[in-house]
Amino acid sequence: MKIRLRRAHIGIPYVAFMLLFVLLPLFFVLFYAFTNSAGRFSFEPMVNFFTSSAKWRVLFVSFIFGILNTALTLIIGYPLAMILANKKYNKNAVLVMLFVMPMWINFIIRSWAMRDVLVFLGIGGGDYPELATLLGLTYNYLPFTILPLYSTMLKMDKNQIEASYDLGAGPITTFFKVIVPMTMPGIVSAATMVFMPTMTSYVIADILGEGKVTLFGKYIEIYFTQNIWNEGSFLALVMLALIGLSVLIPKLLSRKEAKAKGVGIYD
């Protein structure tokens, strides 16, 4: 009995934290999202969202940036993760730290540094805001792609790769038929960690795009800074729904694939 009470007491701070910093803010977001400026229940923010071409345009642009950044980070990060996971390099702590260290630096500082580099190269946000923003996003989120891929590749069954070569498969066939399926959990994790943060980013777009690129996160910030809480809260609710879908859909697809193969990729 005393042990149970002690366990209950240990859980009190966590429950209090969840109530104060998760559930209570979420309640206020829901409250403002379905009320008007007078504080009365209303679907006005929702109607404004679905009938506003400007908001849909920003959402579409954010979606495109999310897709492009996810694709770029995977294209760049996948071979880098393979190099790090190679037996010749995976014991080299210095090499691994080179990819991890940028995460220790505040992303605002990294973004300003990247802005100076792009201006020096002649592709700054003043003349090429979309390109500069995309490169800045890729630079900032690349470590979040490399780490889950690197972790997954360390656990790969090398015997399957050797068996593929022994059975006559070439490097390309082995890569797409053996290596990619085995690293799919890392790919899904990396895409999840990059896609939605890219869509909702606004500081990086502000710095690299020099205010010429507006992503969904920036749109939310504009409404809140102008004290339009109802519109901003509904946009935040849309963002939460998109985040939930971005996590749920890959899991459902993986379960469907697991049932077909009889093995779960998250097992």
C-alpha atoms as a PDB file:
ATOM      1  CA  MET A   1       0.000   0.000   0.000  1.00  0.00           C
ATOM      2  CA  LYS A   2       2.814   2.392   0.943  1.00  0.00           C
ATOM      3  CA  ILE A   3       4.641   1.586  -2.299  1.00  0.00           C
ATOM      4  CA  ARG A   4       1.528   2.410  -4.321  1.00  0.00           C
ATOM      5  CA  LEU A   5       1.146   5.723  -2.502  1.00  0.00           C
ATOM      6  CA  ARG A   6       4.773   6.559  -3.163  1.00  0.00           C
ATOM      7  CA  ARG A   7       4.325   5.802  -6.844  1.00  0.00           C
ATOM      8  CA  ALA A   8       1.234   8.009  -6.904  1.00  0.00           C
ATOM      9  CA  HIS A   9       3.178  10.842  -5.264  1.00  0.00           C
ATOM     10  CA  ILE A  10       5.972  10.489  -7.820  1.00  0.00           C
ATOM     11  CA  GLY A  11       3.457  10.892 -10.643  1.00  0.00           C
ATOM     12  CA  ILE A  12       1.922  14.119  -9.258  1.00  0.00           C
ATOM     13  CA  PRO A  13       4.549  16.500 -10.773  1.00  0.00           C
ATOM     14  CA  TYR A  14       4.141  14.880 -14.203  1.00  0.00           C
ATOM     15  CA  VAL A  15       0.354  15.104 -14.060  1.00  0.00           C
ATOM     16  CA  ALA A  16       0.578  18.740 -12.943  1.00  0.00           C
ATOM     17  CA  PHE A  17       2.990  19.497 -15.779  1.00  0.00           C
ATOM     18  CA  MET A  18       0.648  17.907 -18.341  1.00  0.00           C
ATOM     19  CA  LEU A  19      -2.327  19.852 -16.995  1.00  0.00           C
ATOM     20  CA  LEU A  20      -0.576  23.224 -16.904  1.00  0.00           C
ATOM     21  CA  PHE A  21       1.554  23.101 -20.043  1.00  0.00           C
ATOM     22  CA  VAL A  22      -0.325  20.715 -22.377  1.00  0.00           C
ATOM     23  CA  LEU A  23      -4.026  20.362 -21.604  1.00  0.00           C
ATOM     24  CA  LEU A  24      -4.680  23.924 -20.386  1.00  0.00           C
ATOM     25  CA  PRO A  25      -3.056  25.619 -23.427  1.00  0.00           C
ATOM     26  CA  LEU A  26      -4.878  23.171 -25.695  1.00  0.00           C
ATOM     27  CA  PHE A  27      -8.170  24.081 -23.990  1.00  0.00           C
ATOM     28  CA  PHE A  28      -7.564  27.783 -24.675  1.00  0.00           C
ATOM     29  CA  VAL A  29      -6.682  27.045 -28.315  1.00  0.00           C
ATOM     30  CA  LEU A  30      -9.936  25.100 -28.717  1.00  0.00           C
ATOM     31  CA  PHE A  31     -11.897  27.831 -26.904  1.00  0.00           C
ATOM     32  CA  TYR A  32     -10.611  30.674 -29.078  1.00  0.00           C
ATOM     33  CA  ALA A  33     -10.819  28.579 -32.274  1.00  0.00           C
ATOM     34  CA  PHE A  34     -14.589  28.216 -31.914  1.00  0.00           C
ATOM     35  CA  THR A  35     -15.526  31.626 -30.578  1.00  0.00           C
ATOM     36  CA  ASN A  36     -15.769  35.060 -32.133  1.00  0.00           C
ATOM     37  CA  SER A  37     -14.172  38.315 -30.982  1.00  0.00           C
ATOM     38  CA  ALA A  38     -17.042  38.769 -28.486  1.00  0.00           C
ATOM     39  CA  GLY A  39     -16.253  35.421 -26.831  1.00  0.00           C
ATOM     40  CA  ARG A  40     -19.401  33.713 -28.093  1.00  0.00           C
ATOM     41  CA  PHE A  41     -19.487  30.271 -29.682  1.00  0.00           C
ATOM     42  CA  SER A  42     -19.016  30.627 -33.410  1.00  0.00           C
ATOM     43  CA  PHE A  43     -17.733  28.806 -36.495  1.00  0.00           C
ATOM     44  CA  GLU A  44     -16.551  32.102 -37.921  1.00  0.00           C
ATOM     45  CA  PRO A  45     -12.785  31.304 -37.683  1.00  0.00           C
ATOM     46  CA  MET A  46     -13.371  27.957 -39.414  1.00  0.00           C
ATOM     47  CA  VAL A  47     -15.482  29.541 -42.157  1.00  0.00           C
ATOM     48  CA  ASN A  48     -12.843  32.251 -42.662  1.00  0.00           C
ATOM     49  CA  PHE A  49     -10.170  29.598 -43.046  1.00  0.00           C
ATOM     50  CA  PHE A  50     -12.012  27.465 -45.606  1.00  0.00           C
ATOM     51  CA  THR A  51     -13.150  30.476 -47.649  1.00  0.00           C
ATOM     52  CA  SER A  52      -9.831  32.353 -47.648  1.00  0.00           C
ATOM     53  CA  SER A  53      -7.757  31.791 -50.783  1.00  0.00           C
ATOM     54  CA  ALA A  54      -4.781  33.522 -49.127  1.00  0.00           C
ATOM     55  CA  LYS A  55      -4.672  31.001 -46.278  1.00  0.00           C
ATOM     56  CA  TRP A  56      -4.958  28.055 -48.661  1.00  0.00           C
ATOM     57  CA  ARG A  57      -2.182  29.553 -50.774  1.00  0.00           C
ATOM     58  CA  VAL A  58       0.111  29.800 -47.736  1.00  0.00           C
ATOM     59  CA  LEU A  59      -0.798  26.239 -46.731  1.00  0.00           C
ATOM     60  CA  PHE A  60      -0.018  25.013 -50.261  1.00  0.00           C
ATOM     61  CA  VAL A  61       3.329  26.847 -50.357  1.00  0.00           C
ATOM     62  CA  SER A  62       4.203  25.421 -46.931  1.00  0.00           C
ATOM     63  CA  PHE A  63       3.279  21.920 -48.153  1.00  0.00           C
ATOM     64  CA  ILE A  64       5.558  22.289 -51.193  1.00  0.00           C
ATOM     65  CA  PHE A  65       8.434  23.496 -49.001  1.00  0.00           C
ATOM     66  CA  GLY A  66       7.813  20.569 -46.653  1.00  0.00           C
ATOM     67  CA  ILE A  67       7.939  18.042 -49.518  1.00  0.00           C
ATOM     68  CA  LEU A  68      11.034  19.594 -51.115  1.00  0.00           C
ATOM     69  CA  ASN A  69      12.928  19.915 -47.841  1.00  0.00           C
ATOM     70  CA  THR A  70      12.074  16.356 -46.794  1.00  0.00           C
ATOM     71  CA  ALA A  71      13.214  15.045 -50.181  1.00  0.00           C
ATOM     72  CA  LEU A  72      16.452  17.072 -50.126  1.00  0.00           C
ATOM     73  CA  THR A  73      17.382  16.083 -46.578  1.00  0.00           C
ATOM     74  CA  LEU A  74      16.747  12.407 -47.403  1.00  0.00           C
ATOM     75  CA  ILE A  75      18.765  12.586 -50.651  1.00  0.00           C
ATOM     76  CA  ILE A  76      21.696  14.233 -48.860  1.00  0.00           C
ATOM     77  CA  GLY A  77      21.338  12.515 -45.499  1.00  0.00           C
ATOM     78  CA  TYR A  78      20.884   8.925 -46.690  1.00  0.00           C
ATOM     79  CA  PRO A  79      24.367   8.453 -48.223  1.00  0.00           C
ATOM     80  CA  LEU A  80      25.941  10.368 -45.335  1.00  0.00           C
ATOM     81  CA  ALA A  81      24.218   8.052 -42.850  1.00  0.00           C
ATOM     82  CA  MET A  82      25.460   5.047 -44.839  1.00  0.00           C
ATOM     83  CA  ILE A  83      29.017   6.362 -44.641  1.00  0.00           C
ATOM     84  CA  LEU A  84      28.728   6.921 -40.894  1.00  0.00           C
ATOM     85  CA  ALA A  85      27.246   3.439 -40.390  1.00  0.00           C
ATOM     86  CA  ASN A  86      30.089   1.819 -42.338  1.00  0.00           C
ATOM     87  CA  LYS A  87      32.458  -0.271 -40.192  1.00  0.00           C
ATOM     88  CA  LYS A  88      35.379   1.900 -41.260  1.00  0.00           C
ATOM     89  CA  TYR A  89      33.784   5.073 -39.869  1.00  0.00           C
ATOM     90  CA  ASN A  90      31.133   4.222 -37.252  1.00  0.00           C
ATOM     91  CA  LYS A  91      33.779   3.990 -34.530  1.00  0.00           C
ATOM     92  CA  ASN A  92      35.147   7.408 -35.409  1.00  0.00           C
ATOM     93  CA  ALA A  93      33.528   9.607 -32.761  1.00  0.00           C
ATOM     94  CA  VAL A  94      34.974  12.773 -34.304  1.00  0.00           C
ATOM     95  CA  LEU A  95      33.233  12.135 -37.637  1.00  0.00           C
ATOM     96  CA  VAL A  96      29.896  11.478 -35.943  1.00  0.00           C
ATOM     97  CA  MET A  97      30.305  14.601 -33.808  1.00  0.00           C
ATOM     98  CA  LEU A  98      30.771  16.733 -36.938  1.00  0.00           C
ATOM     99  CA  PHE A  99      27.176  15.954 -37.867  1.00  0.00           C
ATOM    100  CA  VAL A 100      25.796  16.240 -34.329  1.00  0.00           C
ATOM    101  CA  MET A 101      27.551  19.442 -33.241  1.00  0.00           C
ATOM    102  CA  PRO A 102      25.413  21.835 -35.362  1.00  0.00           C
ATOM    103  CA  MET A 103      22.396  20.728 -33.291  1.00  0.00           C
ATOM    104  CA  TRP A 104      24.080  22.191 -30.210  1.00  0.00           C
ATOM    105  CA  ILE A 105      24.065  25.663 -31.761  1.00  0.00           C
ATOM    106  CA  ASN A 106      20.857  27.686 -31.712  1.00  0.00           C
ATOM    107  CA  PHE A 107      19.097  27.447 -35.076  1.00  0.00           C
ATOM    108  CA  ILE A 108      18.804  31.258 -35.282  1.00  0.00           C
ATOM    109  CA  ILE A 109      22.592  31.588 -35.168  1.00  0.00           C
ATOM    110  CA  ARG A 110      22.922  28.814 -37.755  1.00  0.00           C
ATOM    111  CA  SER A 111      20.373  30.561 -39.975  1.00  0.00           C
ATOM    112  CA  TRP A 112      22.187  33.907 -39.837  1.00  0.00           C
ATOM    113  CA  ALA A 113      25.467  32.162 -40.657  1.00  0.00           C
ATOM    114  CA  MET A 114      23.814  30.391 -43.605  1.00  0.00           C
ATOM    115  CA  ARG A 115      22.356  33.709 -44.774  1.00  0.00           C
ATOM    116  CA  ASP A 116      25.832  35.283 -44.876  1.00  0.00           C
ATOM    117  CA  VAL A 117      27.183  32.300 -46.825  1.00  0.00           C
ATOM    118  CA  LEU A 118      24.360  32.475 -49.398  1.00  0.00           C
ATOM    119  CA  VAL A 119      24.782  36.241 -49.812  1.00  0.00           C
ATOM    120  CA  PHE A 120      28.507  35.685 -50.385  1.00  0.00           C
ATOM    121  CA  LEU A 121      27.676  33.066 -53.049  1.00  0.00           C
ATOM    122  CA  GLY A 122      25.247  35.467 -54.726  1.00  0.00           C
ATOM    123  CA  ILE A 123      22.077  33.507 -53.982  1.00  0.00           C
ATOM    124  CA  GLY A 124      20.832  35.442 -50.958  1.00  0.00           C
ATOM    125  CA  GLY A 125      17.227  35.945 -49.974  1.00  0.00           C
ATOM    126  CA  GLY A 126      17.073  39.375 -51.554  1.00  0.00           C
ATOM    127  CA  ASP A 127      17.185  37.984 -55.098  1.00  0.00           C
ATOM    128  CA  TYR A 128      16.322  34.315 -54.548  1.00  0.00           C
ATOM    129  CA  PRO A 129      14.122  34.146 -51.426  1.00  0.00           C
ATOM    130  CA  GLU A 130      12.577  30.718 -52.167  1.00  0.00           C
ATOM    131  CA  LEU A 131      15.918  29.071 -52.958  1.00  0.00           C
ATOM    132  CA  ALA A 132      17.639  30.660 -49.957  1.00  0.00           C
ATOM    133  CA  THR A 133      14.805  29.581 -47.646  1.00  0.00           C
ATOM    134  CA  LEU A 134      14.878  26.009 -48.959  1.00  0.00           C
ATOM    135  CA  LEU A 135      18.655  25.744 -48.551  1.00  0.00           C
ATOM    136  CA  GLY A 136      18.421  27.185 -45.047  1.00  0.00           C
ATOM    137  CA  LEU A 137      15.708  24.705 -44.080  1.00  0.00           C
ATOM    138  CA  THR A 138      17.731  21.811 -45.520  1.00  0.00           C
ATOM    139  CA  TYR A 139      20.838  22.906 -43.642  1.00  0.00           C
ATOM    140  CA  ASN A 140      18.986  23.231 -40.338  1.00  0.00           C
ATOM    141  CA  TYR A 141      17.019  19.966 -40.550  1.00  0.00           C
ATOM    142  CA  LEU A 142      19.687  17.736 -42.119  1.00  0.00           C
ATOM    143  CA  PRO A 143      20.953  16.413 -38.727  1.00  0.00           C
ATOM    144  CA  PHE A 144      17.385  15.370 -37.847  1.00  0.00           C
ATOM    145  CA  THR A 145      17.430  13.197 -40.966  1.00  0.00           C
ATOM    146  CA  ILE A 146      20.892  11.726 -40.518  1.00  0.00           C
ATOM    147  CA  LEU A 147      20.505  10.587 -36.902  1.00  0.00           C
ATOM    148  CA  PRO A 148      17.444   8.287 -37.257  1.00  0.00           C
ATOM    149  CA  LEU A 149      18.844   6.878 -40.512  1.00  0.00           C
ATOM    150  CA  TYR A 150      22.241   6.294 -38.912  1.00  0.00           C
ATOM    151  CA  SER A 151      20.642   4.580 -35.918  1.00  0.00           C
ATOM    152  CA  THR A 152      18.573   2.305 -38.193  1.00  0.00           C
ATOM    153  CA  MET A 153      21.512   1.427 -40.427  1.00  0.00           C
ATOM    154  CA  LEU A 154      23.613   0.329 -37.472  1.00  0.00           C
ATOM    155  CA  LYS A 155      20.952  -2.319 -36.760  1.00  0.00           C
ATOM    156  CA  MET A 156      20.739  -3.613 -40.338  1.00  0.00           C
ATOM    157  CA  ASP A 157      21.252  -7.327 -40.909  1.00  0.00           C
ATOM    158  CA  LYS A 158      24.384  -7.350 -43.054  1.00  0.00           C
ATOM    159  CA  ASN A 159      23.839 -11.045 -43.838  1.00  0.00           C
ATOM    160  CA  GLN A 160      20.829 -10.138 -45.998  1.00  0.00           C
ATOM    161  CA  ILE A 161      22.969  -7.773 -48.061  1.00  0.00           C
ATOM    162  CA  GLU A 162      25.656 -10.417 -48.530  1.00  0.00           C
ATOM    163  CA  ALA A 163      23.000 -13.003 -49.430  1.00  0.00           C
ATOM    164  CA  SER A 164      21.614 -10.629 -52.069  1.00  0.00           C
ATOM    165  CA  TYR A 165      25.029 -10.361 -53.717  1.00  0.00           C
ATOM    166  CA  ASP A 166      25.570 -14.124 -53.469  1.00  0.00           C
ATOM    167  CA  LEU A 167      22.277 -14.710 -55.293  1.00  0.00           C
ATOM    168  CA  GLY A 168      23.454 -12.572 -58.196  1.00  0.00           C
ATOM    169  CA  ALA A 169      21.772  -9.243 -57.435  1.00  0.00           C
ATOM    170  CA  GLY A 170      23.691  -6.136 -58.411  1.00  0.00           C
ATOM    171  CA  PRO A 171      24.344  -3.049 -56.228  1.00  0.00           C
ATOM    172  CA  ILE A 172      21.275  -1.156 -57.473  1.00  0.00           C
ATOM    173  CA  THR A 173      18.915  -4.109 -56.995  1.00  0.00           C
ATOM    174  CA  THR A 174      20.375  -4.832 -53.556  1.00  0.00           C
ATOM    175  CA  PHE A 175      19.984  -1.193 -52.568  1.00  0.00           C
ATOM    176  CA  PHE A 176      16.308  -0.876 -53.551  1.00  0.00           C
ATOM    177  CA  LYS A 177      15.188  -4.419 -52.700  1.00  0.00           C
ATOM    178  CA  VAL A 178      17.168  -5.050 -49.502  1.00  0.00           C
ATOM    179  CA  ILE A 179      18.759  -1.946 -47.972  1.00  0.00           C
ATOM    180  CA  VAL A 180      15.887   0.531 -48.462  1.00  0.00           C
ATOM    181  CA  PRO A 181      13.216  -1.810 -46.959  1.00  0.00           C
ATOM    182  CA  MET A 182      15.445  -2.490 -43.947  1.00  0.00           C
ATOM    183  CA  THR A 183      15.992   1.237 -43.377  1.00  0.00           C
ATOM    184  CA  MET A 184      12.328   2.189 -43.906  1.00  0.00           C
ATOM    185  CA  PRO A 185      11.730   2.853 -40.159  1.00  0.00           C
ATOM    186  CA  GLY A 186      14.550   5.406 -40.247  1.00  0.00           C
ATOM    187  CA  ILE A 187      13.204   6.976 -43.432  1.00  0.00           C
ATOM    188  CA  VAL A 188       9.723   7.306 -41.912  1.00  0.00           C
ATOM    189  CA  SER A 189      11.133   8.779 -38.678  1.00  0.00           C
ATOM    190  CA  ALA A 190      13.329  11.236 -40.577  1.00  0.00           C
ATOM    191  CA  ALA A 191      10.470  12.355 -42.841  1.00  0.00           C
ATOM    192  CA  THR A 192       8.175  12.843 -39.839  1.00  0.00           C
ATOM    193  CA  MET A 193      10.814  14.885 -37.994  1.00  0.00           C
ATOM    194  CA  VAL A 194      11.416  17.146 -41.003  1.00  0.00           C
ATOM    195  CA  PHE A 195       8.124  17.570 -42.895  1.00  0.00           C
ATOM    196  CA  MET A 196       5.847  19.232 -40.313  1.00  0.00           C
ATOM    197  CA  PRO A 197       8.542  21.399 -38.647  1.00  0.00           C
ATOM    198  CA  THR A 198       9.335  22.706 -42.141  1.00  0.00           C
ATOM    199  CA  MET A 199       5.696  23.593 -42.830  1.00  0.00           C
ATOM    200  CA  THR A 200       5.317  25.410 -39.519  1.00  0.00           C
ATOM    201  CA  SER A 201       8.708  27.133 -39.551  1.00  0.00           C
ATOM    202  CA  TYR A 202       8.746  30.925 -39.683  1.00  0.00           C
ATOM    203  CA  VAL A 203      12.006  32.168 -38.145  1.00  0.00           C
ATOM    204  CA  ILE A 204      14.188  30.416 -40.728  1.00  0.00           C
ATOM    205  CA  ALA A 205      11.975  31.677 -43.573  1.00  0.00           C
ATOM    206  CA  ASP A 206      12.113  35.205 -42.138  1.00  0.00           C
ATOM    207  CA  ILE A 207      15.923  35.206 -41.907  1.00  0.00           C
ATOM    208  CA  LEU A 208      16.834  33.380 -45.124  1.00  0.00           C
ATOM    209  CA  GLY A 209      13.915  34.622 -47.217  1.00  0.00           C
ATOM    210  CA  GLU A 210      14.280  38.144 -45.815  1.00  0.00           C
ATOM    211  CA  GLY A 211      10.522  38.362 -45.173  1.00  0.00           C
ATOM    212  CA  LYS A 212       9.574  37.443 -48.751  1.00  0.00           C
ATOM    213  CA  VAL A 213       8.530  33.855 -47.970  1.00  0.00           C
ATOM    214  CA  THR A 214       5.535  33.178 -45.714  1.00  0.00           C
ATOM    215  CA  LEU A 215       5.058  29.689 -44.339  1.00  0.00           C
ATOM    216  CA  PHE A 216       2.150  28.451 -42.232  1.00  0.00           C
ATOM    217  CA  GLY A 217       3.919  29.104 -38.929  1.00  0.00           C
ATOM    218  CA  LYS A 218       4.538  32.719 -39.915  1.00  0.00           C
ATOM    219  CA  TYR A 219       0.854  33.142 -40.746  1.00  0.00           C
ATOM    220  CA  ILE A 220      -0.097  31.969 -37.253  1.00  0.00           C
ATOM    221  CA  GLU A 221       2.454  34.333 -35.703  1.00  0.00           C
ATOM    222  CA  ILE A 222       1.016  37.288 -37.671  1.00  0.00           C
ATOM    223  CA  TYR A 223      -2.489  36.697 -36.283  1.00  0.00           C
ATOM    224  CA  PHE A 224      -1.307  36.323 -32.690  1.00  0.00           C
ATOM    225  CA  THR A 225       0.921  39.418 -32.794  1.00  0.00           C
ATOM    226  CA  GLN A 226      -2.071  41.389 -34.105  1.00  0.00           C
ATOM    227  CA  ASN A 227      -4.188  40.007 -31.210  1.00  0.00           C
ATOM    228  CA  ILE A 228      -6.549  38.177 -33.577  1.00  0.00           C
ATOM    229  CA  TRP A 229      -6.700  35.207 -31.221  1.00  0.00           C
ATOM    230  CA  ASN A 230      -9.642  33.419 -32.835  1.00  0.00           C
ATOM    231  CA  GLU A 231      -8.150  33.201 -36.310  1.00  0.00           C
ATOM    232  CA  GLY A 232      -4.701  32.368 -34.959  1.00  0.00           C
ATOM    233  CA  SER A 233      -6.063  29.642 -32.684  1.00  0.00           C
ATOM    234  CA  PHE A 234      -7.961  27.943 -35.494  1.00  0.00           C
ATOM    235  CA  LEU A 235      -4.834  27.988 -37.662  1.00  0.00           C
ATOM    236  CA  ALA A 236      -2.926  26.457 -34.740  1.00  0.00           C
ATOM    237  CA  LEU A 237      -5.634  23.789 -34.516  1.00  0.00           C
ATOM    238  CA  VAL A 238      -5.208  23.051 -38.230  1.00  0.00           C
ATOM    239  CA  MET A 239      -1.474  22.742 -37.661  1.00  0.00           C
ATOM    240  CA  LEU A 240      -2.051  20.289 -34.784  1.00  0.00           C
ATOM    241  CA  ALA A 241      -4.346  18.217 -36.997  1.00  0.00           C
ATOM    242  CA  LEU A 242      -1.713  18.123 -39.750  1.00  0.00           C
ATOM    243  CA  ILE A 243       0.954  17.054 -37.261  1.00  0.00           C
ATOM    244  CA  GLY A 244      -1.318  14.282 -36.021  1.00  0.00           C
ATOM    245  CA  LEU A 245      -1.960  13.089 -39.578  1.00  0.00           C
ATOM    246  CA  SER A 246       1.751  13.183 -40.449  1.00  0.00           C
ATOM    247  CA  VAL A 247       2.419  10.831 -37.528  1.00  0.00           C
ATOM    248  CA  LEU A 248      -0.671   8.635 -37.923  1.00  0.00           C
ATOM    249  CA  ILE A 249      -0.534   7.952 -41.674  1.00  0.00           C
ATOM    250  CA  PRO A 250       2.998   6.426 -41.704  1.00  0.00           C
ATOM    251  CA  LYS A 251       2.062   4.209 -38.756  1.00  0.00           C
ATOM    252  CA  LEU A 252      -1.100   2.988 -40.486  1.00  0.00           C
ATOM    253  CA  LEU A 253       0.835   2.295 -43.680  1.00  0.00           C
ATOM    254  CA  SER A 254       3.521   0.425 -41.749  1.00  0.00           C
ATOM    255  CA  ARG A 255       0.902  -1.711 -39.998  1.00  0.00           C
ATOM    256  CA  LYS A 256      -0.728  -2.502 -43.341  1.00  0.00           C
ATOM    257  CA  GLU A 257       2.645  -3.514 -44.749  1.00  0.00           C
ATOM    258  CA  ALA A 258       3.398  -5.520 -41.603  1.00  0.00           C
ATOM    259  CA  LYS A 259       0.171  -7.499 -41.973  1.00  0.00           C
ATOM    260  CA  ALA A 260       1.036  -8.229 -45.589  1.00  0.00           C
ATOM    261  CA  LYS A 261       4.538  -9.425 -44.724  1.00  0.00           C
ATOM    262  CA  GLY A 262       3.798 -10.807 -41.284  1.00  0.00           C
ATOM    263  CA  VAL A 263       6.531  -8.631 -39.741  1.00  0.00           C
ATOM    264  CA  GLY A 264       6.204  -5.130 -38.246  1.00  0.00           C
ATOM    265  CA  ILE A 265       8.828  -2.599 -39.251  1.00  0.00           C
ATOM    266  CA  TYR A 266       8.520  -0.994 -35.826  1.00  0.00           C
ATOM    267  CA  ASP A 267       8.987  -4.285 -33.972  1.00  0.00           C
END
